Amino acid sequence: MAGVASRRAFPVADGIVGLDLMFQGKPGGIGAFALVGPGGRFVLVESGPESTYEGLLAALSEAGLEPARLEAVLLTHIHLDHAGAAGRLARQTGCAVYVHPVGLPHLADPSRLWASASRVFGDAMERLWKAITPVPQDRLRPLEDGVRLAFVGRDVEAYHTPGHASHHVVFRVDGSLLFAGDLAGVRLPQLPYVRVPAMPPELEVETWIASLRRARELRPRQLVLTHFGSVTEGVEEHLAAVERQLRRWSETVLDGMRDGLDDAGLLRRLQALEAREMGGGPAADEARATLELVTPLGQVLQGYRRYWTRHHPERLTTSSPRP
């Protein structure tokens, strides 16, 4: 993982600064990333949620970046932890917002997006996310699959990578860095362990695995993770670990559903599985607390449960071929 240069801003690569948004007052949960060009002009990858907007401004200040010089925000997808502050940024700076075509109308009118998230997060919505300001229609730009763009002297390619969400995109910068959003999972600085954010409602295991294959074909030398930081060594092994967990955890939930377990029983199975995978000790305890903040295990369980019920109901009673 990249070393931290200050409380909120840290180097990712030459001309790329990571910004710790201090989600819920804790470090290392949600990040945004600034591609910095001549004269302090910059582009953000991810905006973070609107609840961390002031934290974003503080991180930009520590990095010596002025919001008035923001040219664009590139979003990996429209979930609130990645895109919630994009509308406020666009309205206050005039920047453009680039997003998957499927996600674009939901940023122009986020009422359905907010309602969908409310079904997952319930009464915690305002505490976690605060709000979501609509992005002005004339500030929105669709990202077609494979499009090549140029920002602040950097080459940026966008690739559609569904599985976590139908509107998920990754960005390859200068042919070597891959901004992976949630495709490459959640991996925290204190522990080299990956938890896959297999959240409802759109999880599709087979599609996610195909997107991981596509990411490998891009041959990145470095992964940049919204949750959290960068992976500079063992990139291929990291992506393989994401695929292994998708397969293992989905099958664990399926087996439990076939055994007639309720949600509490299924959750205990996942907790036991993760304890074996992660190991113990203070670093694991610290990582687990942050993981629960950004990708709660109970919601991961619901993602897998919904996946089997919606996409493969036949496998709930049979042992047909695995995905």
C-alpha atoms as a PDB file:
ATOM      1  CA  MET A   1       0.000   0.000   0.000  1.00  0.00           C
ATOM      2  CA  ALA A   2       1.100   3.552  -0.636  1.00  0.00           C
ATOM      3  CA  GLY A   3       2.568   5.375   2.342  1.00  0.00           C
ATOM      4  CA  VAL A   4       0.566   8.202   3.913  1.00  0.00           C
ATOM      5  CA  ALA A   5       2.132  11.648   3.632  1.00  0.00           C
ATOM      6  CA  SER A   6      -0.388  13.498   5.824  1.00  0.00           C
ATOM      7  CA  ARG A   7      -3.588  12.788   7.700  1.00  0.00           C
ATOM      8  CA  ARG A   8      -5.753  13.142   4.600  1.00  0.00           C
ATOM      9  CA  ALA A   9      -3.542  13.268   1.469  1.00  0.00           C
ATOM     10  CA  PHE A  10      -1.112  10.576   0.349  1.00  0.00           C
ATOM     11  CA  PRO A  11       0.870   9.747  -2.805  1.00  0.00           C
ATOM     12  CA  VAL A  12      -0.453   7.069  -5.157  1.00  0.00           C
ATOM     13  CA  ALA A  13       1.815   7.565  -8.189  1.00  0.00           C
ATOM     14  CA  ASP A  14       3.580  10.410  -9.936  1.00  0.00           C
ATOM     15  CA  GLY A  15       1.040  13.222 -10.224  1.00  0.00           C
ATOM     16  CA  ILE A  16      -1.717  11.231  -8.509  1.00  0.00           C
ATOM     17  CA  VAL A  17      -2.792  12.005  -4.948  1.00  0.00           C
ATOM     18  CA  GLY A  18      -5.019   9.892  -2.740  1.00  0.00           C
ATOM     19  CA  LEU A  19      -7.525  11.710  -0.544  1.00  0.00           C
ATOM     20  CA  ASP A  20      -8.798  10.076   2.651  1.00  0.00           C
ATOM     21  CA  LEU A  21     -12.367  11.267   3.147  1.00  0.00           C
ATOM     22  CA  MET A  22     -12.423  10.157   6.814  1.00  0.00           C
ATOM     23  CA  PHE A  23     -15.797   8.474   6.441  1.00  0.00           C
ATOM     24  CA  GLN A  24     -17.666   8.535   9.768  1.00  0.00           C
ATOM     25  CA  GLY A  25     -14.550  10.096  11.284  1.00  0.00           C
ATOM     26  CA  LYS A  26     -12.375   7.035  10.610  1.00  0.00           C
ATOM     27  CA  PRO A  27      -9.313   6.864   8.343  1.00  0.00           C
ATOM     28  CA  GLY A  28      -8.864   4.400   5.523  1.00  0.00           C
ATOM     29  CA  GLY A  29     -12.498   3.716   4.636  1.00  0.00           C
ATOM     30  CA  ILE A  30     -13.395   5.735   1.540  1.00  0.00           C
ATOM     31  CA  GLY A  31     -10.979   7.498  -0.789  1.00  0.00           C
ATOM     32  CA  ALA A  32     -11.042   9.796  -3.783  1.00  0.00           C
ATOM     33  CA  PHE A  33      -8.092  10.376  -6.097  1.00  0.00           C
ATOM     34  CA  ALA A  34      -6.773  13.475  -7.843  1.00  0.00           C
ATOM     35  CA  LEU A  35      -4.973  13.371 -11.183  1.00  0.00           C
ATOM     36  CA  VAL A  36      -2.956  16.583 -11.053  1.00  0.00           C
ATOM     37  CA  GLY A  37      -1.807  18.477 -14.128  1.00  0.00           C
ATOM     38  CA  PRO A  38      -0.023  21.711 -14.982  1.00  0.00           C
ATOM     39  CA  GLY A  39      -0.979  24.799 -13.035  1.00  0.00           C
ATOM     40  CA  GLY A  40      -2.787  22.835 -10.330  1.00  0.00           C
ATOM     41  CA  ARG A  41      -5.578  21.738 -12.673  1.00  0.00           C
ATOM     42  CA  PHE A  42      -6.922  18.374 -11.598  1.00  0.00           C
ATOM     43  CA  VAL A  43      -9.505  15.659 -12.161  1.00  0.00           C
ATOM     44  CA  LEU A  44     -11.056  13.533  -9.431  1.00  0.00           C
ATOM     45  CA  VAL A  45     -11.705   9.819  -9.655  1.00  0.00           C
ATOM     46  CA  GLU A  46     -14.665   9.319  -7.278  1.00  0.00           C
ATOM     47  CA  SER A  47     -16.324  12.071  -5.255  1.00  0.00           C
ATOM     48  CA  GLY A  48     -17.181  10.143  -2.129  1.00  0.00           C
ATOM     49  CA  PRO A  49     -20.533  10.632  -0.389  1.00  0.00           C
ATOM     50  CA  GLU A  50     -22.021  14.033   0.340  1.00  0.00           C
ATOM     51  CA  SER A  51     -21.542  13.328   4.055  1.00  0.00           C
ATOM     52  CA  THR A  52     -17.760  13.604   3.521  1.00  0.00           C
ATOM     53  CA  TYR A  53     -17.871  16.731   1.350  1.00  0.00           C
ATOM     54  CA  GLU A  54     -16.113  18.858   3.966  1.00  0.00           C
ATOM     55  CA  GLY A  55     -13.587  16.072   4.426  1.00  0.00           C
ATOM     56  CA  LEU A  56     -12.930  16.102   0.692  1.00  0.00           C
ATOM     57  CA  LEU A  57     -12.285  19.839   0.787  1.00  0.00           C
ATOM     58  CA  ALA A  58      -9.935  19.381   3.733  1.00  0.00           C
ATOM     59  CA  ALA A  59      -8.011  16.651   1.897  1.00  0.00           C
ATOM     60  CA  LEU A  60      -7.754  18.801  -1.221  1.00  0.00           C
ATOM     61  CA  SER A  61      -6.404  21.647   0.899  1.00  0.00           C
ATOM     62  CA  GLU A  62      -3.757  19.378   2.431  1.00  0.00           C
ATOM     63  CA  ALA A  63      -2.794  18.313  -1.082  1.00  0.00           C
ATOM     64  CA  GLY A  64      -2.487  21.967  -2.159  1.00  0.00           C
ATOM     65  CA  LEU A  65      -5.387  21.713  -4.612  1.00  0.00           C
ATOM     66  CA  GLU A  66      -8.046  24.373  -5.118  1.00  0.00           C
ATOM     67  CA  PRO A  67     -11.606  23.239  -5.912  1.00  0.00           C
ATOM     68  CA  ALA A  68     -11.885  26.027  -8.489  1.00  0.00           C
ATOM     69  CA  ARG A  69      -9.299  24.157 -10.606  1.00  0.00           C
ATOM     70  CA  LEU A  70     -11.318  20.927 -10.690  1.00  0.00           C
ATOM     71  CA  GLU A  71     -12.120  20.067 -14.323  1.00  0.00           C
ATOM     72  CA  ALA A  72     -14.028  16.786 -14.045  1.00  0.00           C
ATOM     73  CA  VAL A  73     -15.141  13.971 -11.766  1.00  0.00           C
ATOM     74  CA  LEU A  74     -14.839  10.416 -13.092  1.00  0.00           C
ATOM     75  CA  LEU A  75     -17.159   7.992 -11.324  1.00  0.00           C
ATOM     76  CA  THR A  76     -16.670   4.228 -11.222  1.00  0.00           C
ATOM     77  CA  HIS A  77     -20.383   3.852 -10.415  1.00  0.00           C
ATOM     78  CA  ILE A  78     -23.253   5.736  -8.830  1.00  0.00           C
ATOM     79  CA  HIS A  79     -23.448   4.143  -5.378  1.00  0.00           C
ATOM     80  CA  LEU A  80     -23.537   6.829  -2.713  1.00  0.00           C
ATOM     81  CA  ASP A  81     -20.112   6.065  -1.237  1.00  0.00           C
ATOM     82  CA  HIS A  82     -18.555   6.686  -4.664  1.00  0.00           C
ATOM     83  CA  ALA A  83     -20.752   9.338  -6.279  1.00  0.00           C
ATOM     84  CA  GLY A  84     -22.870  11.027  -3.616  1.00  0.00           C
ATOM     85  CA  ALA A  85     -20.957  14.341  -3.641  1.00  0.00           C
ATOM     86  CA  ALA A  86     -20.682  14.646  -7.433  1.00  0.00           C
ATOM     87  CA  GLY A  87     -23.730  16.889  -7.757  1.00  0.00           C
ATOM     88  CA  ARG A  88     -22.538  19.301  -5.092  1.00  0.00           C
ATOM     89  CA  LEU A  89     -19.097  19.464  -6.718  1.00  0.00           C
ATOM     90  CA  ALA A  90     -20.596  20.093 -10.148  1.00  0.00           C
ATOM     91  CA  ARG A  91     -22.827  22.886  -8.857  1.00  0.00           C
ATOM     92  CA  GLN A  92     -20.098  24.594  -6.855  1.00  0.00           C
ATOM     93  CA  THR A  93     -17.196  24.257  -9.310  1.00  0.00           C
ATOM     94  CA  GLY A  94     -18.870  23.823 -12.720  1.00  0.00           C
ATOM     95  CA  CYS A  95     -16.915  20.610 -13.337  1.00  0.00           C
ATOM     96  CA  ALA A  96     -18.151  17.888 -15.680  1.00  0.00           C
ATOM     97  CA  VAL A  97     -19.215  14.509 -14.273  1.00  0.00           C
ATOM     98  CA  TYR A  98     -18.410  11.361 -16.275  1.00  0.00           C
ATOM     99  CA  VAL A  99     -20.458   8.240 -15.559  1.00  0.00           C
ATOM    100  CA  HIS A 100     -21.741   5.025 -17.159  1.00  0.00           C
ATOM    101  CA  PRO A 101     -24.755   5.750 -19.416  1.00  0.00           C
ATOM    102  CA  VAL A 102     -27.009   3.594 -17.214  1.00  0.00           C
ATOM    103  CA  GLY A 103     -26.108   5.671 -14.167  1.00  0.00           C
ATOM    104  CA  LEU A 104     -26.356   9.068 -15.843  1.00  0.00           C
ATOM    105  CA  PRO A 105     -30.133   9.665 -15.453  1.00  0.00           C
ATOM    106  CA  HIS A 106     -29.955   8.611 -11.795  1.00  0.00           C
ATOM    107  CA  LEU A 107     -27.493  11.404 -11.063  1.00  0.00           C
ATOM    108  CA  ALA A 108     -29.645  13.953 -12.871  1.00  0.00           C
ATOM    109  CA  ASP A 109     -32.616  12.826 -10.761  1.00  0.00           C
ATOM    110  CA  PRO A 110     -31.332  10.769  -7.803  1.00  0.00           C
ATOM    111  CA  SER A 111     -34.727  10.153  -6.183  1.00  0.00           C
ATOM    112  CA  ARG A 112     -34.852   6.469  -7.207  1.00  0.00           C
ATOM    113  CA  LEU A 113     -31.193   5.981  -6.256  1.00  0.00           C
ATOM    114  CA  TRP A 114     -31.869   7.413  -2.798  1.00  0.00           C
ATOM    115  CA  ALA A 115     -34.997   5.297  -2.386  1.00  0.00           C
ATOM    116  CA  SER A 116     -33.135   2.123  -3.414  1.00  0.00           C
ATOM    117  CA  ALA A 117     -30.315   2.822  -0.942  1.00  0.00           C
ATOM    118  CA  SER A 118     -32.889   3.543   1.766  1.00  0.00           C
ATOM    119  CA  ARG A 119     -34.186  -0.020   1.444  1.00  0.00           C
ATOM    120  CA  VAL A 120     -30.676  -1.240   2.274  1.00  0.00           C
ATOM    121  CA  PHE A 121     -29.544   1.285   4.909  1.00  0.00           C
ATOM    122  CA  GLY A 122     -32.881   2.238   6.472  1.00  0.00           C
ATOM    123  CA  ASP A 123     -32.732   4.804   9.272  1.00  0.00           C
ATOM    124  CA  ALA A 124     -28.954   5.207   8.857  1.00  0.00           C
ATOM    125  CA  MET A 125     -29.256   6.967   5.486  1.00  0.00           C
ATOM    126  CA  GLU A 126     -28.815  10.552   6.638  1.00  0.00           C
ATOM    127  CA  ARG A 127     -26.073   9.666   9.135  1.00  0.00           C
ATOM    128  CA  LEU A 128     -24.087   7.735   6.534  1.00  0.00           C
ATOM    129  CA  TRP A 129     -24.725   9.672   3.353  1.00  0.00           C
ATOM    130  CA  LYS A 130     -26.417  12.969   4.381  1.00  0.00           C
ATOM    131  CA  ALA A 131     -28.066  13.618   0.996  1.00  0.00           C
ATOM    132  CA  ILE A 132     -27.410  13.521  -2.742  1.00  0.00           C
ATOM    133  CA  THR A 133     -27.564  16.702  -4.790  1.00  0.00           C
ATOM    134  CA  PRO A 134     -28.656  16.253  -8.429  1.00  0.00           C
ATOM    135  CA  VAL A 135     -25.969  16.810 -11.057  1.00  0.00           C
ATOM    136  CA  PRO A 136     -27.056  19.485 -13.566  1.00  0.00           C
ATOM    137  CA  GLN A 137     -27.945  17.788 -16.849  1.00  0.00           C
ATOM    138  CA  ASP A 138     -25.517  19.927 -18.836  1.00  0.00           C
ATOM    139  CA  ARG A 139     -22.631  18.790 -16.622  1.00  0.00           C
ATOM    140  CA  LEU A 140     -23.180  15.060 -17.196  1.00  0.00           C
ATOM    141  CA  ARG A 141     -21.080  13.083 -19.707  1.00  0.00           C
ATOM    142  CA  PRO A 142     -21.711   9.398 -20.607  1.00  0.00           C
ATOM    143  CA  LEU A 143     -18.791   6.968 -20.587  1.00  0.00           C
ATOM    144  CA  GLU A 144     -19.067   4.528 -23.473  1.00  0.00           C
ATOM    145  CA  ASP A 145     -17.215   1.230 -23.186  1.00  0.00           C
ATOM    146  CA  GLY A 146     -13.591   1.539 -24.275  1.00  0.00           C
ATOM    147  CA  VAL A 147     -13.691   5.317 -24.712  1.00  0.00           C
ATOM    148  CA  ARG A 148     -10.317   7.086 -24.603  1.00  0.00           C
ATOM    149  CA  LEU A 149     -10.121  10.516 -23.039  1.00  0.00           C
ATOM    150  CA  ALA A 150      -7.438  13.013 -22.075  1.00  0.00           C
ATOM    151  CA  PHE A 151      -7.423  15.022 -18.859  1.00  0.00           C
ATOM    152  CA  VAL A 152      -4.695  17.303 -17.460  1.00  0.00           C
ATOM    153  CA  GLY A 153      -2.101  15.637 -19.672  1.00  0.00           C
ATOM    154  CA  ARG A 154      -3.087  12.053 -18.736  1.00  0.00           C
ATOM    155  CA  ASP A 155      -4.505   9.339 -20.959  1.00  0.00           C
ATOM    156  CA  VAL A 156      -7.660   7.811 -19.473  1.00  0.00           C
ATOM    157  CA  GLU A 157      -9.552   4.798 -20.821  1.00  0.00           C
ATOM    158  CA  ALA A 158     -12.925   3.708 -19.439  1.00  0.00           C
ATOM    159  CA  TYR A 159     -14.145   0.114 -19.493  1.00  0.00           C
ATOM    160  CA  HIS A 160     -17.546  -1.205 -18.480  1.00  0.00           C
ATOM    161  CA  THR A 161     -17.141  -3.835 -15.749  1.00  0.00           C
ATOM    162  CA  PRO A 162     -20.555  -4.946 -14.417  1.00  0.00           C
ATOM    163  CA  GLY A 163     -21.097  -7.486 -11.669  1.00  0.00           C
ATOM    164  CA  HIS A 164     -21.081  -5.323  -8.573  1.00  0.00           C
ATOM    165  CA  ALA A 165     -23.459  -3.001 -10.429  1.00  0.00           C
ATOM    166  CA  SER A 166     -24.658  -2.740 -14.014  1.00  0.00           C
ATOM    167  CA  HIS A 167     -23.250   0.806 -14.172  1.00  0.00           C
ATOM    168  CA  HIS A 168     -19.722  -0.022 -12.997  1.00  0.00           C
ATOM    169  CA  VAL A 169     -16.693   1.349 -14.862  1.00  0.00           C
ATOM    170  CA  VAL A 170     -12.943   1.079 -14.310  1.00  0.00           C
ATOM    171  CA  PHE A 171     -10.400   3.618 -15.519  1.00  0.00           C
ATOM    172  CA  ARG A 172      -6.969   2.754 -16.905  1.00  0.00           C
ATOM    173  CA  VAL A 173      -4.641   5.752 -16.632  1.00  0.00           C
ATOM    174  CA  ASP A 174      -1.489   6.044 -18.744  1.00  0.00           C
ATOM    175  CA  GLY A 175      -1.766   2.371 -19.650  1.00  0.00           C
ATOM    176  CA  SER A 176      -0.682   1.083 -16.248  1.00  0.00           C
ATOM    177  CA  LEU A 177      -2.835   2.226 -13.305  1.00  0.00           C
ATOM    178  CA  LEU A 178      -6.305   0.761 -12.921  1.00  0.00           C
ATOM    179  CA  PHE A 179      -8.812   2.676 -10.814  1.00  0.00           C
ATOM    180  CA  ALA A 180     -10.934  -0.297  -9.868  1.00  0.00           C
ATOM    181  CA  GLY A 181     -13.853   1.113  -7.878  1.00  0.00           C
ATOM    182  CA  ASP A 182     -15.464  -1.915  -6.218  1.00  0.00           C
ATOM    183  CA  LEU A 183     -14.463  -4.427  -8.902  1.00  0.00           C
ATOM    184  CA  ALA A 184     -11.255  -5.365  -7.055  1.00  0.00           C
ATOM    185  CA  GLY A 185     -12.862  -5.496  -3.621  1.00  0.00           C
ATOM    186  CA  VAL A 186     -12.047  -3.837  -0.318  1.00  0.00           C
ATOM    187  CA  ARG A 187      -8.504  -4.152   1.020  1.00  0.00           C
ATOM    188  CA  LEU A 188      -7.298  -2.010   3.898  1.00  0.00           C
ATOM    189  CA  PRO A 189      -3.754  -0.763   4.589  1.00  0.00           C
ATOM    190  CA  GLN A 190      -3.368  -2.611   7.881  1.00  0.00           C
ATOM    191  CA  LEU A 191      -4.043  -6.101   6.501  1.00  0.00           C
ATOM    192  CA  PRO A 192      -3.605  -7.709   3.057  1.00  0.00           C
ATOM    193  CA  TYR A 193      -7.070  -9.246   3.112  1.00  0.00           C
ATOM    194  CA  VAL A 194      -9.840  -8.711   0.566  1.00  0.00           C
ATOM    195  CA  ARG A 195     -13.562  -8.555   1.354  1.00  0.00           C
ATOM    196  CA  VAL A 196     -15.692  -8.522  -1.780  1.00  0.00           C
ATOM    197  CA  PRO A 197     -18.501  -5.900  -1.569  1.00  0.00           C
ATOM    198  CA  ALA A 198     -21.144  -8.279  -2.908  1.00  0.00           C
ATOM    199  CA  MET A 199     -23.986  -5.924  -2.035  1.00  0.00           C
ATOM    200  CA  PRO A 200     -27.603  -6.039  -3.173  1.00  0.00           C
ATOM    201  CA  PRO A 201     -29.475  -5.422  -5.362  1.00  0.00           C
ATOM    202  CA  GLU A 202     -27.437  -6.015  -8.547  1.00  0.00           C
ATOM    203  CA  LEU A 203     -24.820  -8.625  -7.644  1.00  0.00           C
ATOM    204  CA  GLU A 204     -24.154 -11.086 -10.488  1.00  0.00           C
ATOM    205  CA  VAL A 205     -21.324 -13.477  -9.692  1.00  0.00           C
ATOM    206  CA  GLU A 206     -20.694 -14.740 -13.233  1.00  0.00           C
ATOM    207  CA  THR A 207     -20.697 -11.204 -14.632  1.00  0.00           C
ATOM    208  CA  TRP A 208     -18.290  -9.994 -11.948  1.00  0.00           C
ATOM    209  CA  ILE A 209     -15.902 -12.861 -12.713  1.00  0.00           C
ATOM    210  CA  ALA A 210     -16.018 -11.966 -16.408  1.00  0.00           C
ATOM    211  CA  SER A 211     -15.222  -8.347 -15.516  1.00  0.00           C
ATOM    212  CA  LEU A 212     -12.257  -9.502 -13.434  1.00  0.00           C
ATOM    213  CA  ARG A 213     -11.032 -11.413 -16.469  1.00  0.00           C
ATOM    214  CA  ARG A 214     -11.308  -8.230 -18.505  1.00  0.00           C
ATOM    215  CA  ALA A 215      -9.365  -6.307 -15.866  1.00  0.00           C
ATOM    216  CA  ARG A 216      -6.571  -8.873 -16.042  1.00  0.00           C
ATOM    217  CA  GLU A 217      -6.454  -8.461 -19.820  1.00  0.00           C
ATOM    218  CA  LEU A 218      -5.738  -4.754 -19.317  1.00  0.00           C
ATOM    219  CA  ARG A 219      -2.508  -5.848 -17.566  1.00  0.00           C
ATOM    220  CA  PRO A 220      -2.415  -3.190 -14.848  1.00  0.00           C
ATOM    221  CA  ARG A 221       0.797  -2.720 -12.912  1.00  0.00           C
ATOM    222  CA  GLN A 222      -1.033  -0.996 -10.059  1.00  0.00           C
ATOM    223  CA  LEU A 223      -4.567  -1.166  -8.685  1.00  0.00           C
ATOM    224  CA  VAL A 224      -6.134   1.863  -7.045  1.00  0.00           C
ATOM    225  CA  LEU A 225      -8.952   0.965  -4.660  1.00  0.00           C
ATOM    226  CA  THR A 226     -11.650   3.329  -3.453  1.00  0.00           C
ATOM    227  CA  HIS A 227     -11.635   1.171  -0.300  1.00  0.00           C
ATOM    228  CA  PHE A 228      -8.684   1.824   0.197  1.00  0.00           C
ATOM    229  CA  GLY A 229      -5.400   2.980  -1.322  1.00  0.00           C
ATOM    230  CA  SER A 230      -3.292   1.165  -3.886  1.00  0.00           C
ATOM    231  CA  VAL A 231      -1.898  -2.280  -4.592  1.00  0.00           C
ATOM    232  CA  THR A 232       1.529  -2.136  -6.215  1.00  0.00           C
ATOM    233  CA  GLU A 233       2.709  -5.715  -5.671  1.00  0.00           C
ATOM    234  CA  GLY A 234       0.861  -8.940  -6.354  1.00  0.00           C
ATOM    235  CA  VAL A 235      -1.766  -7.351  -8.593  1.00  0.00           C
ATOM    236  CA  GLU A 236      -2.634 -10.630 -10.308  1.00  0.00           C
ATOM    237  CA  GLU A 237      -2.889 -12.458  -6.985  1.00  0.00           C
ATOM    238  CA  HIS A 238      -5.127  -9.718  -5.611  1.00  0.00           C
ATOM    239  CA  LEU A 239      -7.558 -10.073  -8.535  1.00  0.00           C
ATOM    240  CA  ALA A 240      -7.433 -13.855  -8.176  1.00  0.00           C
ATOM    241  CA  ALA A 241      -8.297 -13.498  -4.468  1.00  0.00           C
ATOM    242  CA  VAL A 242     -11.392 -11.480  -5.380  1.00  0.00           C
ATOM    243  CA  GLU A 243     -12.543 -14.222  -7.747  1.00  0.00           C
ATOM    244  CA  ARG A 244     -11.851 -16.961  -5.194  1.00  0.00           C
ATOM    245  CA  GLN A 245     -13.909 -15.196  -2.579  1.00  0.00           C
ATOM    246  CA  LEU A 246     -16.813 -14.590  -4.973  1.00  0.00           C
ATOM    247  CA  ARG A 247     -16.942 -18.307  -5.729  1.00  0.00           C
ATOM    248  CA  ARG A 248     -16.357 -19.557  -2.178  1.00  0.00           C
ATOM    249  CA  TRP A 249     -18.702 -17.161  -0.392  1.00  0.00           C
ATOM    250  CA  SER A 250     -21.521 -17.516  -2.892  1.00  0.00           C
ATOM    251  CA  GLU A 251     -21.360 -21.308  -2.577  1.00  0.00           C
ATOM    252  CA  THR A 252     -21.229 -21.059   1.218  1.00  0.00           C
ATOM    253  CA  VAL A 253     -24.435 -19.024   1.213  1.00  0.00           C
ATOM    254  CA  LEU A 254     -26.051 -21.427  -1.268  1.00  0.00           C
ATOM    255  CA  ASP A 255     -25.172 -24.419   0.891  1.00  0.00           C
ATOM    256  CA  GLY A 256     -26.636 -22.675   3.923  1.00  0.00           C
ATOM    257  CA  MET A 257     -29.837 -21.801   2.072  1.00  0.00           C
ATOM    258  CA  ARG A 258     -30.186 -25.446   1.022  1.00  0.00           C
ATOM    259  CA  ASP A 259     -29.693 -26.437   4.667  1.00  0.00           C
ATOM    260  CA  GLY A 260     -32.618 -24.209   5.614  1.00  0.00           C
ATOM    261  CA  LEU A 261     -30.583 -21.682   7.637  1.00  0.00           C
ATOM    262  CA  ASP A 262     -32.129 -18.332   8.443  1.00  0.00           C
ATOM    263  CA  ASP A 263     -30.213 -15.064   8.058  1.00  0.00           C
ATOM    264  CA  ALA A 264     -28.631 -15.359  11.496  1.00  0.00           C
ATOM    265  CA  GLY A 265     -27.341 -18.844  10.700  1.00  0.00           C
ATOM    266  CA  LEU A 266     -26.050 -17.792   7.287  1.00  0.00           C
ATOM    267  CA  LEU A 267     -24.287 -14.802   8.818  1.00  0.00           C
ATOM    268  CA  ARG A 268     -22.569 -17.026  11.375  1.00  0.00           C
ATOM    269  CA  ARG A 269     -21.267 -19.221   8.540  1.00  0.00           C
ATOM    270  CA  LEU A 270     -19.833 -16.215   6.718  1.00  0.00           C
ATOM    271  CA  GLN A 271     -18.292 -14.857   9.913  1.00  0.00           C
ATOM    272  CA  ALA A 272     -16.632 -18.202  10.597  1.00  0.00           C
ATOM    273  CA  LEU A 273     -15.389 -18.430   7.013  1.00  0.00           C
ATOM    274  CA  GLU A 274     -13.927 -14.947   7.111  1.00  0.00           C
ATOM    275  CA  ALA A 275     -12.283 -15.597  10.479  1.00  0.00           C
ATOM    276  CA  ARG A 276     -10.470 -18.572   8.932  1.00  0.00           C
ATOM    277  CA  GLU A 277      -9.454 -16.556   5.868  1.00  0.00           C
ATOM    278  CA  MET A 278      -8.400 -13.396   7.704  1.00  0.00           C
ATOM    279  CA  GLY A 279      -6.819 -14.806  10.822  1.00  0.00           C
ATOM    280  CA  GLY A 280      -6.727 -13.063  14.189  1.00  0.00           C
ATOM    281  CA  GLY A 281      -4.793 -10.447  16.075  1.00  0.00           C
ATOM    282  CA  PRO A 282      -5.066  -6.668  16.552  1.00  0.00           C
ATOM    283  CA  ALA A 283      -4.618  -5.869  12.841  1.00  0.00           C
ATOM    284  CA  ALA A 284      -7.469  -8.213  11.919  1.00  0.00           C
ATOM    285  CA  ASP A 285      -9.723  -6.716  14.602  1.00  0.00           C
ATOM    286  CA  GLU A 286      -8.997  -3.186  13.359  1.00  0.00           C
ATOM    287  CA  ALA A 287      -9.551  -4.179   9.742  1.00  0.00           C
ATOM    288  CA  ARG A 288     -12.804  -5.967  10.556  1.00  0.00           C
ATOM    289  CA  ALA A 289     -14.221  -2.849  12.228  1.00  0.00           C
ATOM    290  CA  THR A 290     -13.476  -0.725   9.160  1.00  0.00           C
ATOM    291  CA  LEU A 291     -14.768  -3.399   6.797  1.00  0.00           C
ATOM    292  CA  GLU A 292     -18.063  -3.403   8.676  1.00  0.00           C
ATOM    293  CA  LEU A 293     -18.259   0.354   8.200  1.00  0.00           C
ATOM    294  CA  VAL A 294     -17.776   0.345   4.419  1.00  0.00           C
ATOM    295  CA  THR A 295     -19.135  -3.073   3.398  1.00  0.00           C
ATOM    296  CA  PRO A 296     -21.230  -4.620   6.204  1.00  0.00           C
ATOM    297  CA  LEU A 297     -21.208  -8.384   6.263  1.00  0.00           C
ATOM    298  CA  GLY A 298     -24.954  -8.540   6.761  1.00  0.00           C
ATOM    299  CA  GLN A 299     -25.488  -6.675   3.503  1.00  0.00           C
ATOM    300  CA  VAL A 300     -22.967  -8.895   1.714  1.00  0.00           C
ATOM    301  CA  LEU A 301     -25.045 -11.852   2.863  1.00  0.00           C
ATOM    302  CA  GLN A 302     -28.190 -10.277   1.419  1.00  0.00           C
ATOM    303  CA  GLY A 303     -26.379  -9.705  -1.870  1.00  0.00           C
ATOM    304  CA  TYR A 304     -25.542 -13.382  -2.212  1.00  0.00           C
ATOM    305  CA  ARG A 305     -28.985 -14.489  -1.031  1.00  0.00           C
ATOM    306  CA  ARG A 306     -30.685 -12.246  -3.582  1.00  0.00           C
ATOM    307  CA  TYR A 307     -28.291 -13.428  -6.305  1.00  0.00           C
ATOM    308  CA  TRP A 308     -29.257 -17.091  -5.842  1.00  0.00           C
ATOM    309  CA  THR A 309     -32.963 -16.386  -5.460  1.00  0.00           C
ATOM    310  CA  ARG A 310     -33.131 -14.087  -8.468  1.00  0.00           C
ATOM    311  CA  HIS A 311     -30.649 -15.596 -10.920  1.00  0.00           C
ATOM    312  CA  HIS A 312     -30.392 -19.299 -10.039  1.00  0.00           C
ATOM    313  CA  PRO A 313     -33.490 -20.418  -8.119  1.00  0.00           C
ATOM    314  CA  GLU A 314     -33.044 -23.882  -9.638  1.00  0.00           C
ATOM    315  CA  ARG A 315     -29.834 -24.332  -7.637  1.00  0.00           C
ATOM    316  CA  LEU A 316     -31.608 -23.901  -4.331  1.00  0.00           C
ATOM    317  CA  THR A 317     -32.886 -27.465  -4.629  1.00  0.00           C
ATOM    318  CA  THR A 318     -30.444 -29.083  -7.081  1.00  0.00           C
ATOM    319  CA  SER A 319     -26.715 -29.517  -7.541  1.00  0.00           C
ATOM    320  CA  SER A 320     -26.598 -28.162 -11.084  1.00  0.00           C
ATOM    321  CA  PRO A 321     -23.251 -26.850 -12.419  1.00  0.00           C
ATOM    322  CA  ARG A 322     -21.683 -23.979 -10.512  1.00  0.00           C
ATOM    323  CA  PRO A 323     -21.176 -20.529 -12.038  1.00  0.00           C
END
